[in-house]
Amino acid sequence: MALRFVKTVIWSWVCLFAATSLPQVHGAEPRRLYAGAHAQEITPPKFPISVNGNMADQLAISAHDPLYARCIVLQASNTSEATIAIVVCDSCMIPRTLLDRAKKLAAKKTGIPASNILISATHAHSCPTLTGVFQSDPDTDYVEFLVEQIATGIERANSQLEPARIGWGSIDQPNLVFNRRWLLTDGETTEDPFGGKSDRVQTNPGFGNLKVTESQNVIDPELSVLSIQSRDGRPIALLANYSLHYVGGVAGNVVSADYFGEFSQRVARQLKATDVQPPFVGIMSNGTSGDINNVDFRQKSVPAKEPFEQIQLVAETLAADAASVCKRIEYRDTVPVRALETEIVLGVRQPTADELTAAKTKIAAISDRPLKGLPAIYARETVLLADYPPSVKAMIQALRIGGLAIVSSPCETFAETGLAIKKGSPFKQTFTIELANGYNGYLPPPEQHRLGGYETWRARSSYLSADAEPKVRATMLRLLSELNK
């Protein structure tokens, strides 16, 4: 496969080690970097448990592989403002209320400001339900368990701070990502779950579908890598970012971290870091993959694979790519570190009174549960959305680590938005971590709203107003500009 290396940029940091509280010395000069990492297990302590990712609820009865909240703490001066934590959880999506509680608890334990903590979900569709969507609802005990585990993971990463060096770079891997939204042939439209017949896009159209003409064809192939080592070169952690929704192929009623978890194991082997102490932490974060999957519908068909086979293939490919980037990185042990966050208000697409009445009538006429068929399932979503407020607050956060910038979105963000952020960023390398610091559903750009398709259908998984994406994009770019000052 042809791989195009993007120019590798280097960076590093400095800091003071204070495990539980950080002195507030404003105006201090940067000091040499300290870093710590820890993988805190978040596998459910009891089963069965609800799993997100399907139109009907699914109960997992065991774990195929362990789930983790993988944590990194970076400290670059003797001020708390120059200490950040990044956490990536094996979860489909996590509500802001849970994450705010975890941040508050972690801040109390470590002294790291809650505003300097970024927590995201991988969006694996085989993890416990934490946000109510479609017919899945959270397990209250698991919610409480996760709050504690995330905070504990940050605390343990913080307690392992040691002198470190850091570097970053990227590589293009275009062979694993495909835009799943396909345009219908001229004159063709398809029906949505509400009875409308104006959709010009079909998501996941299947192989050999003669009613579609071409994919939207927008992907972000960049695999971004942040590598952290001890001063003598021992791997501490690696944070990767790739815009692939998830892989799937998880068999049976089990929880699984999908390719995100498999990557963590395989990148450790690639870097010969399986036996280091403290244990190496490999992390794959989700980029902007709201319209991206791992299925190439340009083909007429694909050979059937064994359960977990495609997960392993994708993980191994990306782990090898990440390791190749590390070979080109030039490490430094001093860089500035800074975090910014802001709230923005976004509109909610609420149902009209007539739509609500029709939805209630439809559900009342159906006695079977779980509900079957998209019209009934989306009717239930319509009823539940009627309780939403007319607007919601969304958290946008940006981190600077030397010449690298990381910006977050609480949404399932389209690839074109991620590409626009990278193009407009003042930093040499930038990437977006989606589903971070909360969950606000899909974020289609206005033109995609006009084309319709699954990602635009009004539900708790897609409820923001059609003008939300430009507001989120503008806010991301504004934070990046402020970080560059």
Protein backbone atom coordinates (compact mmCIF):
# COMPACT_ATOMS: atom_id res chain seq x y z
CA MET A 1 0.00 0.00 0.00
CA ALA A 2 1.17 3.46 -0.79
CA LEU A 3 1.76 5.61 2.26
CA ARG A 4 2.59 9.28 2.17
CA PHE A 5 4.55 10.58 5.11
CA VAL A 6 3.60 14.05 6.29
CA LYS A 7 6.35 16.27 7.63
CA THR A 8 7.12 15.24 11.19
CA VAL A 9 7.15 17.99 13.76
CA ILE A 10 8.87 17.68 17.08
CA TRP A 11 8.05 18.86 20.51
CA SER A 12 8.62 18.40 24.22
CA TRP A 13 7.99 19.86 27.63
CA VAL A 14 8.95 20.69 31.14
CA CYS A 15 7.42 20.56 34.49
CA LEU A 16 7.62 20.19 38.17
CA PHE A 17 6.37 17.11 39.84
CA ALA A 18 3.59 17.57 42.40
CA ALA A 19 1.44 14.48 42.71
CA THR A 20 -1.58 15.85 44.50
CA SER A 21 -1.45 19.63 44.39
CA LEU A 22 0.35 22.07 42.18
CA PRO A 23 1.70 25.42 43.42
CA GLN A 24 0.31 28.49 41.72
CA VAL A 25 3.46 30.31 40.58
CA HIS A 26 2.31 32.61 37.84
CA GLY A 27 4.71 33.83 35.19
CA ALA A 28 7.17 31.02 35.81
CA GLU A 29 9.54 30.03 33.03
CA PRO A 30 8.98 26.65 31.38
CA ARG A 31 10.85 23.75 32.96
CA ARG A 32 11.71 20.37 31.61
CA LEU A 33 8.79 18.09 30.85
CA TYR A 34 7.34 15.50 33.20
CA ALA A 35 4.84 12.85 32.08
CA GLY A 36 2.91 9.96 33.53
CA ALA A 37 0.47 7.43 32.06
CA HIS A 38 -1.88 4.78 33.37
CA ALA A 39 -4.53 2.45 31.91
CA GLN A 40 -7.38 2.14 34.41
CA GLU A 41 -9.62 -0.84 33.78
CA ILE A 42 -13.32 0.00 33.28
CA THR A 43 -14.67 -3.43 32.36
CA PRO A 44 -18.11 -3.76 33.97
CA PRO A 45 -17.81 -5.43 37.38
CA LYS A 46 -21.12 -7.20 36.82
CA PHE A 47 -23.15 -8.62 33.93
CA PRO A 48 -25.48 -8.60 32.08
CA ILE A 49 -25.21 -4.99 30.98
CA SER A 50 -26.76 -2.88 28.22
CA VAL A 51 -24.60 -2.14 25.17
CA ASN A 52 -24.88 0.96 22.96
CA GLY A 53 -24.70 0.92 19.20
CA ASN A 54 -27.87 -0.71 17.91
CA MET A 55 -31.47 0.31 17.24
CA ALA A 56 -32.61 -2.26 19.82
CA ASP A 57 -31.01 -2.82 23.20
CA GLN A 58 -28.47 -5.61 23.46
CA LEU A 59 -27.33 -7.25 26.70
CA ALA A 60 -23.73 -8.34 27.07
CA ILE A 61 -23.13 -11.26 29.40
CA SER A 62 -19.31 -11.17 29.50
CA ALA A 63 -16.23 -9.34 28.23
CA HIS A 64 -14.29 -10.51 25.19
CA ASP A 65 -11.45 -8.14 26.08
CA PRO A 66 -10.93 -5.66 28.94
CA LEU A 67 -12.08 -2.05 28.65
CA TYR A 68 -9.88 0.83 29.84
CA ALA A 69 -9.77 4.53 30.55
CA ARG A 70 -6.31 5.27 29.21
CA CYS A 71 -4.80 8.35 30.84
CA ILE A 72 -1.87 10.67 30.17
CA VAL A 73 -0.76 13.57 32.39
CA LEU A 74 1.71 16.12 31.04
CA GLN A 75 3.28 18.79 33.21
CA ALA A 76 5.30 21.61 31.69
CA SER A 77 5.93 24.17 34.45
CA ASN A 78 5.35 24.79 38.10
CA THR A 79 1.84 26.14 37.50
CA SER A 80 -1.32 24.10 37.37
CA GLU A 81 -2.32 25.94 34.19
CA ALA A 82 0.56 24.18 32.40
CA THR A 83 -0.54 20.69 33.46
CA ILE A 84 -3.01 18.75 31.31
CA ALA A 85 -4.63 15.34 31.37
CA ILE A 86 -5.94 13.41 28.36
CA VAL A 87 -8.19 10.40 28.88
CA VAL A 88 -9.65 8.10 26.21
CA CYS A 89 -12.33 5.68 27.40
CA ASP A 90 -13.51 2.48 25.77
CA SER A 91 -17.11 3.64 25.44
CA CYS A 92 -19.61 4.45 22.70
CA MET A 93 -20.41 7.91 24.07
CA ILE A 94 -20.38 9.53 27.51
CA PRO A 95 -22.73 12.29 28.71
CA ARG A 96 -21.28 15.54 29.95
CA THR A 97 -22.84 15.19 33.40
CA LEU A 98 -20.75 12.06 34.05
CA LEU A 99 -17.56 13.60 32.67
CA ASP A 100 -17.97 16.83 34.63
CA ARG A 101 -18.23 14.79 37.82
CA ALA A 102 -15.16 12.74 36.91
CA LYS A 103 -13.16 15.90 36.17
CA LYS A 104 -14.19 17.53 39.43
CA LEU A 105 -13.15 14.44 41.39
CA ALA A 106 -9.85 14.15 39.50
CA ALA A 107 -9.11 17.84 40.12
CA LYS A 108 -9.66 17.31 43.83
CA LYS A 109 -7.32 14.32 43.85
CA THR A 110 -4.52 15.87 41.76
CA GLY A 111 -4.77 19.66 41.66
CA ILE A 112 -5.06 19.58 37.86
CA PRO A 113 -7.75 22.12 36.87
CA ALA A 114 -10.90 20.46 35.55
CA SER A 115 -10.67 22.83 32.56
CA ASN A 116 -7.32 21.20 31.67
CA ILE A 117 -8.73 17.67 31.53
CA LEU A 118 -9.93 16.26 28.20
CA ILE A 119 -11.96 13.05 28.36
CA SER A 120 -13.32 11.31 25.29
CA ALA A 121 -15.06 8.12 24.20
CA THR A 122 -13.73 5.88 21.43
CA HIS A 123 -17.21 5.18 20.01
CA ALA A 124 -16.82 1.42 20.02
CA HIS A 125 -20.33 0.01 19.47
CA SER A 126 -19.70 -2.91 21.81
CA CYS A 127 -19.29 -1.05 25.11
CA PRO A 128 -21.71 -0.46 28.01
CA THR A 129 -24.49 2.09 27.55
CA LEU A 130 -23.79 5.43 29.24
CA THR A 131 -26.04 7.68 27.16
CA GLY A 132 -29.65 6.81 26.38
CA VAL A 133 -30.07 6.51 22.62
CA PHE A 134 -32.64 4.51 20.66
CA GLN A 135 -33.70 1.63 22.94
CA SER A 136 -30.63 1.40 25.19
CA ASP A 137 -30.49 3.02 28.63
CA PRO A 138 -27.57 3.41 31.05
CA ASP A 139 -26.87 1.12 33.97
CA THR A 140 -26.86 3.43 37.02
CA ASP A 141 -24.27 1.37 38.90
CA TYR A 142 -21.89 1.41 35.94
CA VAL A 143 -22.23 5.19 35.60
CA GLU A 144 -21.14 5.62 39.23
CA PHE A 145 -18.35 3.08 38.76
CA LEU A 146 -17.00 4.92 35.71
CA VAL A 147 -16.87 8.32 37.43
CA GLU A 148 -14.63 6.85 40.12
CA GLN A 149 -12.47 4.85 37.73
CA ILE A 150 -11.73 7.79 35.44
CA ALA A 151 -10.70 9.97 38.37
CA THR A 152 -8.57 7.17 39.79
CA GLY A 153 -6.87 6.68 36.41
CA ILE A 154 -5.91 10.35 36.22
CA GLU A 155 -4.68 10.26 39.81
CA ARG A 156 -2.46 7.24 39.12
CA ALA A 157 -1.05 8.75 35.92
CA ASN A 158 -0.31 11.92 37.86
CA SER A 159 1.44 9.96 40.63
CA GLN A 160 3.81 8.45 38.04
CA LEU A 161 5.12 11.76 36.69
CA GLU A 162 8.76 11.45 35.70
CA PRO A 163 11.24 13.42 33.58
CA ALA A 164 10.19 12.91 29.98
CA ARG A 165 10.65 13.88 26.36
CA ILE A 166 8.06 14.09 23.63
CA GLY A 167 7.57 14.23 19.88
CA TRP A 168 4.86 14.00 17.31
CA GLY A 169 4.25 13.32 13.65
CA SER A 170 1.82 11.72 11.24
CA ILE A 171 1.36 9.41 8.29
CA ASP A 172 -1.44 9.00 5.76
CA GLN A 173 -3.30 5.68 5.81
CA PRO A 174 -6.11 6.02 3.22
CA ASN A 175 -6.84 2.33 2.74
CA LEU A 176 -8.97 1.79 5.84
CA VAL A 177 -11.42 4.71 5.72
CA PHE A 178 -14.44 5.16 3.43
CA ASN A 179 -17.22 7.73 3.38
CA ARG A 180 -20.41 5.82 4.08
CA ARG A 181 -22.81 8.48 2.72
CA TRP A 182 -23.67 7.80 -0.94
CA LEU A 183 -25.49 10.08 -3.35
CA LEU A 184 -28.52 8.61 -5.08
CA THR A 185 -28.68 8.62 -8.87
CA ASP A 186 -30.28 11.64 -10.54
CA GLY A 187 -33.98 11.86 -9.83
CA GLU A 188 -33.86 9.24 -7.08
CA THR A 189 -34.82 9.94 -3.48
CA THR A 190 -35.33 7.71 -0.49
CA GLU A 191 -37.75 7.76 2.42
CA ASP A 192 -36.83 8.80 5.94
CA PRO A 193 -38.40 7.27 9.10
CA PHE A 194 -40.89 10.15 9.37
CA GLY A 195 -42.52 9.51 5.99
CA GLY A 196 -40.58 12.15 4.07
CA LYS A 197 -39.26 11.18 0.64
CA SER A 198 -36.68 13.84 -0.12
CA ASP A 199 -33.40 12.28 1.07
CA ARG A 200 -30.73 12.45 -1.62
CA VAL A 201 -28.19 10.42 0.38
CA GLN A 202 -28.22 6.84 1.59
CA THR A 203 -25.92 5.79 4.41
CA ASN A 204 -24.32 2.35 4.12
CA PRO A 205 -26.14 1.56 0.85
CA GLY A 206 -24.90 -2.04 0.62
CA PHE A 207 -22.86 -3.66 -2.13
CA GLY A 208 -23.99 -3.38 -5.74
CA ASN A 209 -26.77 -0.89 -5.01
CA LEU A 210 -27.81 0.49 -8.41
CA LYS A 211 -29.74 3.39 -6.86
CA VAL A 212 -26.57 5.13 -5.67
CA THR A 213 -24.03 6.78 -7.88
CA GLU A 214 -21.01 7.76 -5.79
CA SER A 215 -19.75 8.19 -2.26
CA GLN A 216 -19.44 11.68 -0.80
CA ASN A 217 -15.77 10.72 -1.08
CA VAL A 218 -14.50 12.92 1.76
CA ILE A 219 -12.12 11.17 4.16
CA ASP A 220 -9.32 12.23 6.48
CA PRO A 221 -6.57 9.62 6.00
CA GLU A 222 -4.10 11.12 8.50
CA LEU A 223 -2.94 8.99 11.43
CA SER A 224 -1.56 11.45 13.97
CA VAL A 225 0.87 10.26 16.63
CA LEU A 226 2.06 11.78 19.90
CA SER A 227 4.93 9.81 21.45
CA ILE A 228 6.12 10.20 25.06
CA GLN A 229 9.31 8.67 26.40
CA SER A 230 11.46 8.83 29.51
CA ARG A 231 14.61 10.89 29.14
CA ASP A 232 16.57 7.71 28.39
CA GLY A 233 14.15 6.59 25.66
CA ARG A 234 11.85 4.14 27.48
CA PRO A 235 8.34 4.36 25.99
CA ILE A 236 5.83 5.87 28.44
CA ALA A 237 2.77 6.40 26.23
CA LEU A 238 1.59 6.93 22.68
CA LEU A 239 -1.56 8.82 21.73
CA ALA A 240 -2.80 8.17 18.18
CA ASN A 241 -5.72 9.78 16.38
CA TYR A 242 -7.53 8.37 13.33
CA SER A 243 -10.87 9.19 11.74
CA LEU A 244 -12.48 5.75 11.64
CA HIS A 245 -15.92 5.34 13.24
CA TYR A 246 -15.31 1.79 14.53
CA VAL A 247 -14.76 -1.60 12.85
CA GLY A 248 -17.25 -4.07 14.31
CA GLY A 249 -17.41 -7.79 13.72
CA VAL A 250 -17.79 -8.42 17.46
CA ALA A 251 -19.47 -11.79 17.86
CA GLY A 252 -21.81 -12.83 20.63
CA ASN A 253 -23.21 -10.97 23.60
CA VAL A 254 -19.91 -9.54 24.81
CA VAL A 255 -18.35 -6.16 25.43
CA SER A 256 -15.24 -5.29 23.44
CA ALA A 257 -13.01 -2.26 22.90
CA ASP A 258 -13.07 -2.89 19.12
CA TYR A 259 -9.95 -1.85 17.17
CA PHE A 260 -9.15 0.88 19.68
CA GLY A 261 -8.28 -1.68 22.36
CA GLU A 262 -6.53 -4.02 19.96
CA PHE A 263 -4.38 -1.13 18.70
CA SER A 264 -3.20 -0.45 22.25
CA GLN A 265 -1.86 -3.98 22.60
CA ARG A 266 -0.31 -4.16 19.15
CA VAL A 267 1.43 -0.78 19.24
CA ALA A 268 3.10 -1.85 22.50
CA ARG A 269 4.49 -4.89 20.70
CA GLN A 270 5.56 -2.78 17.72
CA LEU A 271 7.50 -0.47 20.04
CA LYS A 272 8.91 -3.39 22.10
CA ALA A 273 7.25 -1.86 25.14
CA THR A 274 5.28 -4.81 26.50
CA ASP A 275 7.47 -5.35 29.59
CA VAL A 276 8.52 -1.83 30.57
CA GLN A 277 7.82 -0.39 34.02
CA PRO A 278 5.70 1.57 34.66
CA PRO A 279 3.57 -0.14 32.02
CA PHE A 280 3.45 1.53 28.60
CA VAL A 281 0.05 2.98 27.65
CA GLY A 282 -0.95 2.93 23.97
CA ILE A 283 -4.03 4.97 23.06
CA MET A 284 -6.13 5.32 19.93
CA SER A 285 -8.52 8.30 19.94
CA ASN A 286 -11.34 8.85 17.47
CA GLY A 287 -10.86 11.71 15.01
CA THR A 288 -13.68 13.10 12.87
CA SER A 289 -15.49 9.99 11.70
CA GLY A 290 -19.20 10.80 11.85
CA ASP A 291 -19.61 9.83 8.18
CA ILE A 292 -16.73 7.32 7.90
CA ASN A 293 -16.53 3.55 8.24
CA ASN A 294 -14.30 0.62 7.29
CA VAL A 295 -16.48 -0.75 4.46
CA ASP A 296 -15.70 -0.09 0.78
CA PHE A 297 -19.09 -0.14 -0.94
CA ARG A 298 -17.41 0.50 -4.28
CA GLN A 299 -16.82 -3.25 -4.39
CA LYS A 300 -19.56 -5.65 -5.42
CA SER A 301 -18.93 -7.73 -2.30
CA VAL A 302 -16.25 -8.53 0.25
CA PRO A 303 -15.16 -11.94 1.57
CA ALA A 304 -16.69 -12.96 4.88
CA LYS A 305 -14.35 -12.71 7.86
CA GLU A 306 -14.21 -14.45 11.19
CA PRO A 307 -15.33 -12.52 14.29
CA PHE A 308 -12.70 -9.94 15.35
CA GLU A 309 -10.60 -10.67 12.23
CA GLN A 310 -11.11 -7.24 10.66
CA ILE A 311 -10.53 -5.54 14.02
CA GLN A 312 -7.15 -7.25 14.24
CA LEU A 313 -6.23 -6.36 10.66
CA VAL A 314 -7.04 -2.67 11.11
CA ALA A 315 -5.30 -2.49 14.48
CA GLU A 316 -2.13 -4.15 13.21
CA THR A 317 -1.94 -1.88 10.17
CA LEU A 318 -2.33 1.27 12.26
CA ALA A 319 0.05 0.05 14.96
CA ALA A 320 2.76 -0.60 12.36
CA ASP A 321 2.11 2.84 10.84
CA ALA A 322 2.34 4.51 14.26
CA ALA A 323 5.62 2.73 14.99
CA SER A 324 7.01 3.92 11.67
CA VAL A 325 6.16 7.51 12.61
CA CYS A 326 7.99 7.12 15.92
CA LYS A 327 11.19 6.21 14.08
CA ARG A 328 11.14 9.63 12.41
CA ILE A 329 10.34 11.68 15.48
CA GLU A 330 12.99 13.92 17.01
CA TYR A 331 12.28 14.26 20.72
CA ARG A 332 12.60 17.31 22.97
CA ASP A 333 12.14 17.77 26.67
CA THR A 334 10.83 21.34 26.79
CA VAL A 335 7.70 22.80 25.21
CA PRO A 336 4.91 25.11 26.34
CA VAL A 337 1.63 23.47 27.37
CA ARG A 338 -1.69 25.30 27.57
CA ALA A 339 -5.41 24.51 27.63
CA LEU A 340 -8.47 26.56 26.73
CA GLU A 341 -12.16 25.71 26.82
CA THR A 342 -15.44 27.49 26.20
CA GLU A 343 -19.15 26.77 26.17
CA ILE A 344 -21.35 27.56 23.20
CA VAL A 345 -25.12 27.46 22.89
CA LEU A 346 -26.56 25.30 20.11
CA GLY A 347 -30.16 25.00 18.99
CA VAL A 348 -32.20 21.81 19.30
CA ARG A 349 -34.45 20.45 16.51
CA GLN A 350 -37.58 19.80 18.54
CA PRO A 351 -40.68 18.15 17.06
CA THR A 352 -43.75 20.22 16.32
CA ALA A 353 -46.98 19.64 18.22
CA ASP A 354 -48.42 17.73 15.25
CA GLU A 355 -45.30 15.58 14.92
CA LEU A 356 -45.40 14.78 18.61
CA THR A 357 -49.08 13.80 18.48
CA ALA A 358 -48.47 11.55 15.47
CA ALA A 359 -45.51 9.88 17.18
CA LYS A 360 -47.46 9.19 20.35
CA THR A 361 -50.32 7.73 18.33
CA LYS A 362 -47.96 5.44 16.43
CA ILE A 363 -46.29 4.11 19.58
CA ALA A 364 -49.60 3.61 21.40
CA ALA A 365 -50.79 1.34 18.61
CA ILE A 366 -47.78 -1.00 19.01
CA SER A 367 -47.82 -3.48 21.89
CA ASP A 368 -44.64 -5.40 21.11
CA ARG A 369 -41.36 -4.41 22.76
CA PRO A 370 -38.68 -3.83 21.75
CA LEU A 371 -39.98 -1.66 18.94
CA LYS A 372 -39.20 -2.90 15.45
CA GLY A 373 -38.84 -0.90 12.26
CA LEU A 374 -37.42 2.60 11.84
CA PRO A 375 -40.76 4.49 11.85
CA ALA A 376 -41.66 3.13 15.30
CA ILE A 377 -38.16 3.56 16.71
CA TYR A 378 -37.93 7.16 15.52
CA ALA A 379 -41.44 7.87 16.78
CA ARG A 380 -40.19 6.97 20.26
CA GLU A 381 -37.19 9.25 19.76
CA THR A 382 -39.57 12.06 18.77
CA VAL A 383 -41.50 11.67 22.02
CA LEU A 384 -38.32 11.67 24.10
CA LEU A 385 -36.91 14.70 22.26
CA ALA A 386 -40.02 16.70 23.15
CA ASP A 387 -38.59 16.91 26.67
CA TYR A 388 -35.34 18.49 25.46
CA PRO A 389 -34.82 22.24 25.97
CA PRO A 390 -34.82 24.53 22.89
CA SER A 391 -31.03 24.88 23.20
CA VAL A 392 -28.11 23.13 24.87
CA LYS A 393 -24.63 24.11 25.98
CA ALA A 394 -21.73 22.29 24.36
CA MET A 395 -18.14 22.27 25.59
CA ILE A 396 -15.31 22.94 23.12
CA GLN A 397 -11.73 22.51 24.31
CA ALA A 398 -8.30 22.99 22.76
CA LEU A 399 -4.83 21.98 23.96
CA ARG A 400 -1.45 23.26 22.88
CA ILE A 401 1.65 21.12 23.27
CA GLY A 402 4.48 23.03 21.66
CA GLY A 403 3.75 23.21 17.95
CA LEU A 404 0.99 20.59 18.19
CA ALA A 405 -2.66 21.47 18.77
CA ILE A 406 -5.48 19.15 19.81
CA VAL A 407 -9.06 20.40 19.62
CA SER A 408 -12.14 18.56 20.81
CA SER A 409 -15.74 18.16 19.69
CA PRO A 410 -18.56 16.66 21.78
CA CYS A 411 -20.21 15.38 18.60
CA GLU A 412 -19.93 12.70 15.95
CA THR A 413 -18.13 15.07 13.62
CA PHE A 414 -17.89 14.73 9.83
CA ALA A 415 -14.54 14.29 8.09
CA GLU A 416 -14.96 17.52 6.13
CA THR A 417 -15.15 19.46 9.39
CA GLY A 418 -11.95 17.84 10.63
CA LEU A 419 -10.16 18.64 7.39
CA ALA A 420 -11.33 22.25 7.57
CA ILE A 421 -9.99 22.55 11.12
CA LYS A 422 -6.61 21.20 10.06
CA LYS A 423 -6.49 23.56 7.10
CA GLY A 424 -7.47 26.62 9.14
CA SER A 425 -5.31 25.91 12.18
CA PRO A 426 -2.29 28.16 12.77
CA PHE A 427 -0.34 25.16 14.09
CA LYS A 428 1.88 22.94 11.96
CA GLN A 429 -0.01 19.87 13.09
CA THR A 430 -3.54 19.70 14.49
CA PHE A 431 -6.03 16.97 15.09
CA THR A 432 -9.54 16.73 16.54
CA ILE A 433 -10.68 14.27 19.19
CA GLU A 434 -14.41 13.81 18.82
CA LEU A 435 -17.00 12.69 21.39
CA ALA A 436 -14.98 14.57 24.02
CA ASN A 437 -16.25 16.27 27.18
CA GLY A 438 -19.83 15.22 26.51
CA TYR A 439 -22.20 13.89 23.87
CA ASN A 440 -24.31 16.08 21.57
CA GLY A 441 -25.03 13.66 18.72
CA TYR A 442 -24.16 13.97 15.04
CA LEU A 443 -22.83 17.24 13.63
CA PRO A 444 -23.62 17.28 9.88
CA PRO A 445 -22.57 20.43 8.00
CA PRO A 446 -25.52 22.43 6.58
CA GLU A 447 -25.17 20.98 3.07
CA GLN A 448 -25.31 17.44 4.47
CA HIS A 449 -28.49 18.37 6.36
CA ARG A 450 -30.01 19.42 3.04
CA LEU A 451 -29.07 16.08 1.47
CA GLY A 452 -30.62 14.11 4.35
CA GLY A 453 -29.67 10.58 5.30
CA TYR A 454 -29.34 8.67 8.56
CA GLU A 455 -26.97 11.09 10.27
CA THR A 456 -29.51 13.92 9.87
CA TRP A 457 -32.64 12.09 11.06
CA ARG A 458 -33.95 13.79 14.19
CA ALA A 459 -33.31 11.65 17.29
CA ARG A 460 -31.37 11.81 20.53
CA SER A 461 -28.39 10.77 18.39
CA SER A 462 -28.92 13.71 16.00
CA TYR A 463 -30.78 16.63 17.51
CA LEU A 464 -28.69 19.76 17.01
CA SER A 465 -29.96 22.48 14.70
CA ALA A 466 -28.71 22.59 11.12
CA ASP A 467 -26.55 25.64 11.84
CA ALA A 468 -24.62 23.92 14.67
CA GLU A 469 -21.62 22.76 12.64
CA PRO A 470 -20.52 26.24 11.48
CA LYS A 471 -20.73 27.45 15.10
CA VAL A 472 -18.67 24.55 16.40
CA ARG A 473 -16.12 24.90 13.61
CA ALA A 474 -15.72 28.64 14.18
CA THR A 475 -15.28 28.12 17.91
CA MET A 476 -12.61 25.48 17.37
CA LEU A 477 -10.65 27.78 15.07
CA ARG A 478 -11.00 30.70 17.49
CA LEU A 479 -9.56 28.65 20.35
CA LEU A 480 -6.69 27.50 18.16
CA SER A 481 -5.96 31.11 17.23
CA GLU A 482 -5.94 32.12 20.89
CA LEU A 483 -3.63 29.25 21.78
CA ASN A 484 -1.19 30.45 19.14
CA LYS A 485 -0.76 33.89 20.71
